[in-house]
């Protein structure tokens, strides 16, 4: 009898957590970077709803009181979680999601142990399904975090607040970092390279800072041209560190020329040929350059989707997911 009471207590806790999972999945749908990710997250929310129904049925079978509070608690919990996340970067939000999934999986393992002791096959089968589902979600979230760590466009986009507060979007963060952190470090070297280089880089830094404060008010063509010119002048004057940093800035902003991409004659390739070449890329930085360039130029969804799939595969290798 004591085991049945423990099972009911676990089912109630898991029901509340699963309701939170449902609401979080719905919130994440709005952050999906691509349509493929949006479909996956929508499917995840639907499966979480199915798990809610399964848990409720087993709870009622064991004589547990029908819970009308858990759905409300789950929704409130998800809203609180989402609100708190706005004060931090997107990776912290994903780590929070990962913590929730680990808790659900661990409870499923414990639930199976209770079911084995109580010899309840229905609960045992439910626990097996729950463990499998949460393990899959943990792997997906781990992959998304690894993509984020590798510097590529992740599956989830930050909310507007996260973009500003957390600095999660490189297209905004990098120019500010460039202006605030790099210029002072380059100053001594630039003084030795002549007034021309210093003037160009100072002007570029000012443009980058303006972009970071309000990206929409600065013409992208002017920004890209300024960065390109600064890099060329830096190379000509022998300021190699400056040139490398400027090149990285251009790559992160999608401002490279097609001839600078790791795929030769990229702009001349059709979708199928571009996808085939992308699948052969093994270097994460090369892949990031292609993704950002494609998004900033032709923005062909099939190519971007294929590139992100390849990026996810490389991220899984990094974290040991097979």
Protein backbone atom coordinates (compact mmCIF):
# COMPACT_ATOMS: atom_id res chain seq x y z
CA UNK A 1 0.00 0.00 0.00
CA UNK A 2 2.88 2.31 0.81
CA UNK A 3 4.21 1.85 -2.74
CA UNK A 4 0.90 2.86 -4.29
CA UNK A 5 0.89 6.05 -2.23
CA UNK A 6 4.43 6.80 -3.40
CA UNK A 7 3.45 6.14 -7.02
CA UNK A 8 0.48 8.50 -6.74
CA UNK A 9 2.71 11.20 -5.24
CA UNK A 10 5.23 10.82 -8.08
CA UNK A 11 2.52 10.87 -10.72
CA UNK A 12 1.13 14.09 -9.32
CA UNK A 13 4.58 15.72 -9.29
CA UNK A 14 5.29 14.54 -12.84
CA UNK A 15 1.91 15.80 -14.01
CA UNK A 16 2.70 19.29 -12.77
CA UNK A 17 6.18 19.26 -14.29
CA UNK A 18 4.86 17.90 -17.59
CA UNK A 19 2.31 20.71 -17.76
CA UNK A 20 5.18 23.14 -17.35
CA UNK A 21 7.01 21.27 -20.12
CA UNK A 22 4.01 21.71 -22.44
CA UNK A 23 3.90 25.45 -21.89
CA UNK A 24 7.66 25.85 -22.28
CA UNK A 25 7.52 23.94 -25.58
CA UNK A 26 4.83 26.32 -26.83
CA UNK A 27 6.96 29.31 -25.85
CA UNK A 28 9.96 27.84 -27.67
CA UNK A 29 7.93 27.46 -30.89
CA UNK A 30 7.97 31.25 -31.25
CA UNK A 31 11.77 31.19 -30.96
CA UNK A 32 12.34 28.57 -33.67
CA UNK A 33 14.93 29.70 -36.18
CA UNK A 34 13.66 27.58 -39.07
CA UNK A 35 10.38 26.02 -40.10
CA UNK A 36 11.82 22.55 -39.49
CA UNK A 37 12.66 23.43 -35.89
CA UNK A 38 9.21 25.02 -35.49
CA UNK A 39 7.55 21.79 -36.60
CA UNK A 40 9.72 19.76 -34.25
CA UNK A 41 8.89 21.97 -31.27
CA UNK A 42 5.19 21.90 -32.12
CA UNK A 43 5.38 18.11 -32.21
CA UNK A 44 7.22 18.12 -28.88
CA UNK A 45 4.42 20.14 -27.31
CA UNK A 46 1.82 17.72 -28.67
CA UNK A 47 3.73 14.71 -27.32
CA UNK A 48 4.02 16.40 -23.93
CA UNK A 49 0.25 16.86 -23.95
CA UNK A 50 -0.14 13.16 -24.70
CA UNK A 51 2.13 12.35 -21.76
CA UNK A 52 -0.04 14.55 -19.56
CA UNK A 53 -3.09 12.54 -20.58
CA UNK A 54 -1.29 9.23 -19.96
CA UNK A 55 -0.15 10.30 -16.49
CA UNK A 56 -3.67 11.50 -15.65
CA UNK A 57 -5.23 8.19 -16.69
CA UNK A 58 -2.83 6.17 -14.55
CA UNK A 59 -3.34 8.51 -11.64
CA UNK A 60 -7.10 8.07 -11.84
CA UNK A 61 -6.76 4.31 -12.20
CA UNK A 62 -4.92 4.19 -8.91
CA UNK A 63 -7.63 6.21 -7.23
CA UNK A 64 -5.82 9.51 -7.26
CA UNK A 65 -8.04 12.57 -7.16
CA UNK A 66 -8.50 14.20 -10.55
CA UNK A 67 -6.07 17.12 -10.52
CA UNK A 68 -7.47 20.38 -11.84
CA UNK A 69 -4.73 22.44 -10.22
CA UNK A 70 -1.64 21.01 -11.97
CA UNK A 71 -2.46 22.43 -15.42
CA UNK A 72 -2.80 25.90 -13.92
CA UNK A 73 0.36 25.47 -11.84
CA UNK A 74 2.20 24.26 -14.93
CA UNK A 75 1.12 27.29 -16.94
CA UNK A 76 2.05 29.68 -14.15
CA UNK A 77 5.39 27.93 -13.71
CA UNK A 78 6.15 28.25 -17.41
CA UNK A 79 5.22 31.93 -17.45
CA UNK A 80 7.43 32.62 -14.43
CA UNK A 81 10.26 30.65 -16.03
CA UNK A 82 9.92 32.56 -19.31
CA UNK A 83 9.80 35.91 -17.50
CA UNK A 84 12.92 35.18 -15.47
CA UNK A 85 14.71 34.04 -18.63
CA UNK A 86 14.37 37.52 -20.14
CA UNK A 87 17.05 38.72 -17.73
CA UNK A 88 19.58 36.25 -19.07
CA UNK A 89 21.00 34.94 -22.36
CA UNK A 90 19.35 32.22 -24.39
CA UNK A 91 21.85 29.57 -23.32
CA UNK A 92 20.78 30.02 -19.70
CA UNK A 93 17.16 29.52 -20.74
CA UNK A 94 18.10 26.30 -22.52
CA UNK A 95 20.05 25.09 -19.50
CA UNK A 96 16.87 25.64 -17.49
CA UNK A 97 14.93 23.54 -19.99
CA UNK A 98 17.59 20.86 -19.72
CA UNK A 99 17.29 20.83 -15.93
CA UNK A 100 13.53 20.31 -16.23
CA UNK A 101 13.99 17.39 -18.63
CA UNK A 102 16.60 15.75 -16.40
CA UNK A 103 14.24 16.01 -13.45
CA UNK A 104 11.43 14.43 -15.45
CA UNK A 105 13.66 11.61 -16.66
CA UNK A 106 15.02 10.94 -13.18
CA UNK A 107 11.49 10.80 -11.79
CA UNK A 108 10.53 8.37 -14.57
CA UNK A 109 13.40 6.08 -13.52
CA UNK A 110 12.26 6.27 -9.90
CA UNK A 111 8.67 5.67 -10.95
CA UNK A 112 9.71 2.49 -12.76
CA UNK A 113 11.47 1.25 -9.62
CA UNK A 114 8.32 1.88 -7.60
CA UNK A 115 6.26 0.07 -10.23
CA UNK A 116 8.58 -2.92 -10.14
CA UNK A 117 8.22 -3.14 -6.38
CA UNK A 118 4.43 -2.74 -6.57
CA UNK A 119 4.28 -5.18 -9.54
CA UNK A 120 2.23 -2.68 -11.53
CA UNK A 121 2.83 -3.32 -15.24
CA UNK A 122 0.80 -0.32 -16.36
CA UNK A 123 2.93 2.13 -14.39
CA UNK A 124 6.12 0.36 -15.46
CA UNK A 125 5.22 0.72 -19.14
CA UNK A 126 4.35 4.38 -18.60
CA UNK A 127 7.68 4.95 -16.85
CA UNK A 128 9.54 3.35 -19.76
CA UNK A 129 7.79 5.61 -22.28
CA UNK A 130 8.46 8.69 -20.20
CA UNK A 131 12.13 7.87 -19.74
CA UNK A 132 12.59 7.30 -23.47
CA UNK A 133 10.83 10.56 -24.37
CA UNK A 134 12.77 12.69 -21.92
CA UNK A 135 16.08 11.09 -22.90
CA UNK A 136 15.41 12.10 -26.52
CA UNK A 137 14.58 15.66 -25.48
CA UNK A 138 17.74 15.86 -23.36
CA UNK A 139 19.83 14.84 -26.37
CA UNK A 140 18.13 17.47 -28.53
CA UNK A 141 18.68 20.24 -25.98
CA UNK A 142 22.29 19.15 -25.49
CA UNK A 143 22.79 19.39 -29.24
CA UNK A 144 21.25 22.87 -29.38
CA UNK A 145 23.53 24.04 -26.57
CA UNK A 146 26.56 22.53 -28.32
CA UNK A 147 25.63 24.42 -31.51
CA UNK A 148 25.44 27.59 -29.47
CA UNK A 149 28.88 26.87 -27.96
CA UNK A 150 30.36 26.27 -31.41
CA UNK A 151 29.37 29.77 -32.44
CA UNK A 152 26.88 28.88 -35.13
CA UNK A 153 23.29 30.03 -35.52
CA UNK A 154 21.40 27.87 -32.99
CA UNK A 155 18.03 26.18 -33.51
CA UNK A 156 16.39 28.73 -31.21
CA UNK A 157 16.58 32.48 -31.59
CA UNK A 158 16.74 34.74 -28.54
CA UNK A 159 13.76 36.89 -27.71
CA UNK A 160 14.22 40.64 -28.32
CA UNK A 161 14.83 41.20 -24.60
CA UNK A 162 17.44 38.43 -24.50
CA UNK A 163 19.16 39.96 -27.50
CA UNK A 164 19.70 43.19 -25.56
CA UNK A 165 20.05 42.03 -21.95
CA UNK A 166 21.87 38.77 -22.49
CA UNK A 167 23.83 39.72 -25.58
CA UNK A 168 22.89 36.39 -27.11
CA UNK A 169 22.87 37.45 -30.75
CA UNK A 170 26.34 37.78 -32.22
CA UNK A 171 25.15 40.15 -34.95
CA UNK A 172 24.51 42.71 -32.23
CA UNK A 173 27.04 41.68 -29.62
CA UNK A 174 30.10 41.37 -31.83
CA UNK A 175 30.22 44.97 -33.08
CA UNK A 176 29.92 46.23 -29.51
CA UNK A 177 32.69 43.89 -28.41
CA UNK A 178 34.70 45.05 -31.38
CA UNK A 179 34.26 48.69 -30.40
CA UNK A 180 34.78 48.36 -26.68
CA UNK A 181 37.32 45.57 -26.28
CA UNK A 182 39.40 45.40 -29.41
CA UNK A 183 40.10 49.04 -30.24
CA UNK A 184 41.96 49.77 -27.02
CA UNK A 185 44.07 46.64 -27.46
CA UNK A 186 44.93 47.62 -31.01
CA UNK A 187 45.71 51.25 -30.23
CA UNK A 188 49.39 50.82 -29.39
CA UNK A 189 50.03 48.75 -32.48
CA UNK A 190 48.11 51.10 -34.72
CA UNK A 191 50.14 54.06 -33.54
CA UNK A 192 53.19 52.36 -34.96
CA UNK A 193 51.41 51.62 -38.25
CA UNK A 194 50.45 55.17 -39.09
CA UNK A 195 47.57 57.55 -38.85
CA UNK A 196 45.72 56.06 -41.80
CA UNK A 197 45.09 52.69 -40.15
CA UNK A 198 44.17 54.27 -36.85
CA UNK A 199 41.68 56.58 -38.53
CA UNK A 200 40.03 53.79 -40.48
CA UNK A 201 39.69 51.46 -37.49
CA UNK A 202 38.42 54.24 -35.22
CA UNK A 203 35.78 55.12 -37.80
CA UNK A 204 34.84 51.45 -38.17
CA UNK A 205 34.59 51.01 -34.41
CA UNK A 206 32.23 53.98 -34.20
CA UNK A 207 30.07 52.46 -36.93
CA UNK A 208 30.08 49.11 -35.14
CA UNK A 209 29.06 50.71 -31.84
CA UNK A 210 26.16 52.44 -33.57
CA UNK A 211 25.13 49.10 -35.04
CA UNK A 212 25.16 47.52 -31.60
CA UNK A 213 23.02 50.31 -30.10
CA UNK A 214 20.45 50.34 -32.86
CA UNK A 215 21.17 48.03 -35.78
CA UNK A 216 18.27 49.22 -37.86
CA UNK A 217 19.52 52.80 -38.04
CA UNK A 218 22.78 51.91 -39.75
CA UNK A 219 22.83 50.91 -43.41
CA UNK A 220 24.28 47.42 -43.67
CA UNK A 221 26.03 48.20 -46.90
CA UNK A 222 27.91 51.07 -45.29
CA UNK A 223 28.82 48.91 -42.32
CA UNK A 224 30.05 46.05 -44.48
CA UNK A 225 32.05 48.38 -46.73
CA UNK A 226 33.68 50.01 -43.73
CA UNK A 227 34.69 46.67 -42.22
CA UNK A 228 35.97 45.44 -45.59
CA UNK A 229 38.02 48.59 -46.12
CA UNK A 230 39.42 48.45 -42.58
CA UNK A 231 40.53 44.87 -43.08
CA UNK A 232 42.25 45.61 -46.39
CA UNK A 233 44.08 48.64 -45.01
CA UNK A 234 45.12 46.70 -41.90
CA UNK A 235 46.57 43.91 -44.02
CA UNK A 236 48.39 46.38 -46.24
CA UNK A 237 49.94 48.06 -43.21
CA UNK A 238 50.92 44.76 -41.62
CA UNK A 239 48.45 44.91 -38.71
CA UNK A 240 47.68 41.20 -38.91
CA UNK A 241 45.87 40.89 -35.57
CA UNK A 242 43.59 43.75 -36.50
CA UNK A 243 42.92 42.25 -39.92
CA UNK A 244 42.05 38.86 -38.44
CA UNK A 245 39.64 40.40 -35.95
CA UNK A 246 37.99 42.44 -38.69
CA UNK A 247 37.68 39.37 -40.88
CA UNK A 248 36.00 37.50 -38.04
CA UNK A 249 33.61 40.41 -37.56
CA UNK A 250 32.70 40.32 -41.25
CA UNK A 251 32.18 36.55 -41.13
CA UNK A 252 29.86 36.82 -38.11
CA UNK A 253 27.81 39.52 -39.82
CA UNK A 254 27.49 37.67 -43.14
CA UNK A 255 29.57 40.39 -44.81
CA UNK A 256 32.14 38.16 -46.51
CA UNK A 257 32.42 38.07 -50.27
CA UNK A 258 31.40 34.85 -52.00
CA UNK A 259 35.03 34.32 -53.00
CA UNK A 260 35.98 34.18 -49.30
CA UNK A 261 33.67 31.27 -48.52
CA UNK A 262 35.02 27.73 -48.09
CA UNK A 263 32.93 26.59 -51.06
CA UNK A 264 34.26 27.76 -54.41
CA UNK A 265 31.91 29.70 -56.70
CA UNK A 266 29.21 29.40 -54.07
CA UNK A 267 26.87 32.01 -55.59
CA UNK A 268 26.76 30.07 -58.84
CA UNK A 269 25.53 26.84 -57.22
CA UNK A 270 21.91 25.73 -57.26
CA UNK A 271 20.24 24.49 -54.12
CA UNK A 272 21.03 20.80 -54.64
CA UNK A 273 24.69 21.41 -55.46
CA UNK A 274 25.10 23.82 -52.54
CA UNK A 275 23.53 21.31 -50.15
CA UNK A 276 25.87 18.56 -51.38
CA UNK A 277 28.91 20.76 -50.82
CA UNK A 278 27.69 21.81 -47.38
CA UNK A 279 27.27 18.18 -46.30
CA UNK A 280 30.96 17.66 -47.03
CA UNK A 281 32.11 20.45 -44.71
CA UNK A 282 33.83 19.23 -41.53
CA UNK A 283 35.03 22.53 -40.08
CA UNK A 284 32.53 24.33 -37.85
CA UNK A 285 33.84 27.80 -38.65
CA UNK A 286 33.57 27.11 -42.38
CA UNK A 287 29.99 25.97 -41.89
CA UNK A 288 29.16 29.04 -39.79
CA UNK A 289 30.46 31.31 -42.56
CA UNK A 290 28.19 29.67 -45.12
CA UNK A 291 25.11 29.78 -42.90
CA UNK A 292 25.48 33.45 -42.00
CA UNK A 293 26.36 34.41 -45.58
CA UNK A 294 23.32 32.57 -46.97
CA UNK A 295 21.00 34.16 -44.42
CA UNK A 296 22.35 37.62 -45.19
CA UNK A 297 22.05 37.21 -48.96
CA UNK A 298 19.81 34.77 -50.85
CA UNK A 299 18.32 33.25 -47.68
CA UNK A 300 17.35 29.97 -49.36
CA UNK A 301 15.52 27.96 -46.72
CA UNK A 302 16.49 24.56 -48.12
CA UNK A 303 20.18 25.41 -47.96
CA UNK A 304 19.93 26.92 -44.48
CA UNK A 305 18.04 23.87 -43.21
CA UNK A 306 20.66 21.51 -44.65
CA UNK A 307 23.48 23.59 -43.19
CA UNK A 308 21.87 23.60 -39.75
CA UNK A 309 21.39 19.84 -39.93
CA UNK A 310 25.09 19.47 -40.68
CA UNK A 311 25.92 21.90 -37.89
CA UNK A 312 23.82 19.84 -35.47
CA UNK A 313 25.67 16.68 -36.52
CA UNK A 314 29.03 18.31 -35.81
CA UNK A 315 27.72 19.59 -32.47
CA UNK A 316 26.59 16.07 -31.54
CA UNK A 317 30.09 14.78 -32.26
CA UNK A 318 31.50 17.38 -29.87
CA UNK A 319 29.21 16.31 -27.00
CA UNK A 320 29.44 12.60 -27.77
CA UNK A 321 25.88 12.01 -29.02
CA UNK A 322 25.67 9.30 -31.64
